[in-house]
Amino acid sequence: MTTGHEELDELKEFLVEESIDAKRKIPVVWVILFWGLILWGIYYFIAYSPSISGWTQQKAYEESLTK
């Protein structure tokens, strides 16, 4: 008598084989994108954080009216 879970047994074996064979590397484009987004986030935080740069929407709005 079978319980119908034989497929799951095969899945476990497949996952174990995949973890042993997990010598695949992340694509270079993904690594560049990852680090680029981190650097952009740091820049954005420094450039637009009122506590660091003093930038506020009110100042930006007033400057746009004077131009």
N, C-alpha and C. Protein backbone atom coordinates (compact mmCIF):
# COMPACT_ATOMS: atom_id res chain seq x y z
N MET A 1 0.85 -1.18 0.00
CA MET A 1 0.00 0.00 0.00
C MET A 1 0.89 1.24 0.00
N THR A 2 0.59 2.16 -0.87
CA THR A 2 1.39 3.39 -0.95
C THR A 2 0.58 4.56 -0.42
N THR A 3 1.30 5.54 0.06
CA THR A 3 0.63 6.72 0.63
C THR A 3 0.55 7.88 -0.35
N GLY A 4 1.24 7.76 -1.48
CA GLY A 4 1.20 8.84 -2.46
C GLY A 4 2.27 9.89 -2.23
N HIS A 5 3.18 9.64 -1.29
CA HIS A 5 4.21 10.63 -0.98
C HIS A 5 5.55 10.26 -1.60
N GLU A 6 5.55 9.37 -2.55
CA GLU A 6 6.79 8.97 -3.18
C GLU A 6 7.44 10.14 -3.90
N GLU A 7 6.63 11.02 -4.42
CA GLU A 7 7.17 12.19 -5.12
C GLU A 7 8.00 13.05 -4.18
N LEU A 8 7.56 13.17 -2.94
CA LEU A 8 8.30 13.98 -1.98
C LEU A 8 9.63 13.34 -1.63
N ASP A 9 9.69 12.00 -1.61
CA ASP A 9 10.95 11.33 -1.35
C ASP A 9 11.95 11.64 -2.45
N GLU A 10 11.49 11.64 -3.68
CA GLU A 10 12.36 11.97 -4.80
C GLU A 10 12.79 13.43 -4.71
N LEU A 11 11.94 14.30 -4.25
CA LEU A 11 12.27 15.72 -4.12
C LEU A 11 13.38 15.91 -3.10
N LYS A 12 13.31 15.18 -1.98
CA LYS A 12 14.37 15.28 -0.97
C LYS A 12 15.70 14.84 -1.54
N GLU A 13 15.71 13.76 -2.30
CA GLU A 13 16.95 13.29 -2.92
C GLU A 13 17.47 14.34 -3.90
N PHE A 14 16.60 14.95 -4.65
CA PHE A 14 17.00 15.97 -5.61
C PHE A 14 17.61 17.16 -4.89
N LEU A 15 17.00 17.59 -3.79
CA LEU A 15 17.53 18.73 -3.05
C LEU A 15 18.89 18.42 -2.45
N VAL A 16 19.08 17.21 -1.97
CA VAL A 16 20.37 16.83 -1.41
C VAL A 16 21.42 16.83 -2.51
N GLU A 17 21.09 16.31 -3.67
CA GLU A 17 22.03 16.32 -4.79
C GLU A 17 22.35 17.75 -5.19
N GLU A 18 21.37 18.62 -5.19
CA GLU A 18 21.58 20.02 -5.56
C GLU A 18 22.49 20.71 -4.56
N SER A 19 22.32 20.43 -3.26
CA SER A 19 23.15 21.10 -2.27
C SER A 19 24.60 20.64 -2.37
N ILE A 20 24.81 19.39 -2.74
CA ILE A 20 26.18 18.90 -2.93
C ILE A 20 26.77 19.55 -4.17
N ASP A 21 25.95 19.74 -5.18
CA ASP A 21 26.41 20.29 -6.45
C ASP A 21 26.21 21.80 -6.50
N ALA A 22 26.14 22.45 -5.35
CA ALA A 22 25.83 23.88 -5.32
C ALA A 22 27.09 24.73 -5.48
N LYS A 23 27.89 24.41 -6.44
CA LYS A 23 29.09 25.19 -6.70
C LYS A 23 28.81 26.26 -7.75
N ARG A 24 27.58 26.50 -8.01
CA ARG A 24 27.20 27.53 -8.98
C ARG A 24 27.41 28.89 -8.36
N LYS A 25 27.78 29.83 -9.18
CA LYS A 25 28.03 31.17 -8.68
C LYS A 25 26.92 32.10 -9.12
N ILE A 26 26.74 33.17 -8.38
CA ILE A 26 25.75 34.19 -8.72
C ILE A 26 26.26 34.92 -9.96
N PRO A 27 25.37 35.26 -10.88
CA PRO A 27 25.81 36.01 -12.06
C PRO A 27 26.44 37.35 -11.67
N VAL A 28 27.46 37.73 -12.41
CA VAL A 28 28.22 38.94 -12.12
C VAL A 28 27.30 40.17 -12.15
N VAL A 29 26.35 40.18 -13.05
CA VAL A 29 25.43 41.32 -13.14
C VAL A 29 24.65 41.49 -11.85
N TRP A 30 24.24 40.39 -11.23
CA TRP A 30 23.51 40.47 -9.96
C TRP A 30 24.38 41.02 -8.85
N VAL A 31 25.65 40.62 -8.84
CA VAL A 31 26.58 41.12 -7.81
C VAL A 31 26.79 42.62 -8.00
N ILE A 32 26.98 43.04 -9.24
CA ILE A 32 27.16 44.47 -9.52
C ILE A 32 25.90 45.24 -9.12
N LEU A 33 24.74 44.72 -9.46
CA LEU A 33 23.49 45.38 -9.10
C LEU A 33 23.33 45.45 -7.58
N PHE A 34 23.65 44.39 -6.89
CA PHE A 34 23.54 44.35 -5.43
C PHE A 34 24.39 45.43 -4.80
N TRP A 35 25.69 45.48 -5.14
CA TRP A 35 26.58 46.47 -4.55
C TRP A 35 26.25 47.88 -5.03
N GLY A 36 25.80 48.01 -6.28
CA GLY A 36 25.40 49.32 -6.79
C GLY A 36 24.22 49.88 -6.02
N LEU A 37 23.25 49.03 -5.71
CA LEU A 37 22.09 49.48 -4.94
C LEU A 37 22.46 49.86 -3.51
N ILE A 38 23.39 49.13 -2.93
CA ILE A 38 23.85 49.48 -1.59
C ILE A 38 24.55 50.83 -1.61
N LEU A 39 25.43 51.05 -2.58
CA LEU A 39 26.13 52.33 -2.68
C LEU A 39 25.16 53.47 -2.95
N TRP A 40 24.18 53.24 -3.83
CA TRP A 40 23.18 54.26 -4.13
C TRP A 40 22.37 54.58 -2.87
N GLY A 41 22.03 53.57 -2.10
CA GLY A 41 21.27 53.79 -0.87
C GLY A 41 22.05 54.62 0.13
N ILE A 42 23.34 54.36 0.24
CA ILE A 42 24.18 55.16 1.14
C ILE A 42 24.23 56.60 0.67
N TYR A 43 24.46 56.79 -0.64
CA TYR A 43 24.48 58.15 -1.20
C TYR A 43 23.15 58.86 -0.95
N TYR A 44 22.05 58.17 -1.24
CA TYR A 44 20.73 58.77 -1.09
C TYR A 44 20.48 59.17 0.36
N PHE A 45 20.85 58.32 1.29
CA PHE A 45 20.67 58.61 2.71
C PHE A 45 21.47 59.85 3.10
N ILE A 46 22.72 59.92 2.66
CA ILE A 46 23.56 61.07 3.01
C ILE A 46 23.06 62.34 2.33
N ALA A 47 22.67 62.26 1.07
CA ALA A 47 22.28 63.44 0.31
C ALA A 47 20.93 64.01 0.75
N TYR A 48 20.01 63.17 1.16
CA TYR A 48 18.65 63.64 1.42
C TYR A 48 18.20 63.47 2.86
N SER A 49 19.10 63.15 3.75
CA SER A 49 18.75 63.03 5.16
C SER A 49 18.88 64.40 5.82
N PRO A 50 17.80 64.93 6.38
CA PRO A 50 17.88 66.27 6.98
C PRO A 50 18.90 66.37 8.11
N SER A 51 19.13 65.31 8.83
CA SER A 51 20.07 65.38 9.94
C SER A 51 21.52 65.44 9.46
N ILE A 52 21.80 64.97 8.26
CA ILE A 52 23.18 64.97 7.75
C ILE A 52 23.41 66.14 6.78
N SER A 53 22.56 66.25 5.76
CA SER A 53 22.81 67.25 4.73
C SER A 53 22.00 68.53 4.93
N GLY A 54 20.98 68.48 5.73
CA GLY A 54 20.14 69.65 5.94
C GLY A 54 19.09 69.84 4.85
N TRP A 55 18.96 68.89 3.94
CA TRP A 55 17.99 68.99 2.86
C TRP A 55 16.59 68.76 3.39
N THR A 56 15.66 69.62 3.00
CA THR A 56 14.25 69.42 3.33
C THR A 56 13.42 69.74 2.11
N GLN A 57 12.22 69.24 2.07
CA GLN A 57 11.33 69.54 0.96
C GLN A 57 10.98 71.02 0.94
N GLN A 58 10.85 71.60 2.09
CA GLN A 58 10.51 73.01 2.18
C GLN A 58 11.60 73.87 1.54
N LYS A 59 12.87 73.58 1.83
CA LYS A 59 13.97 74.31 1.22
C LYS A 59 13.99 74.10 -0.28
N ALA A 60 13.79 72.88 -0.73
CA ALA A 60 13.78 72.58 -2.16
C ALA A 60 12.64 73.32 -2.85
N TYR A 61 11.50 73.38 -2.22
CA TYR A 61 10.36 74.08 -2.80
C TYR A 61 10.64 75.59 -2.89
N GLU A 62 11.19 76.16 -1.84
CA GLU A 62 11.49 77.59 -1.84
C GLU A 62 12.55 77.92 -2.89
N GLU A 63 13.54 77.06 -3.06
CA GLU A 63 14.55 77.28 -4.09
C GLU A 63 13.96 77.20 -5.48
N SER A 64 13.00 76.32 -5.68
CA SER A 64 12.38 76.20 -7.00
C SER A 64 11.53 77.43 -7.32
N LEU A 65 10.97 78.08 -6.29
CA LEU A 65 10.19 79.28 -6.53
C LEU A 65 11.07 80.48 -6.87
N THR A 66 12.26 80.51 -6.34
CA THR A 66 13.15 81.65 -6.60
C THR A 66 13.82 81.55 -7.98
N LYS A 67 13.82 80.43 -8.59
CA LYS A 67 14.46 80.28 -9.92
C LYS A 67 13.62 80.80 -11.02
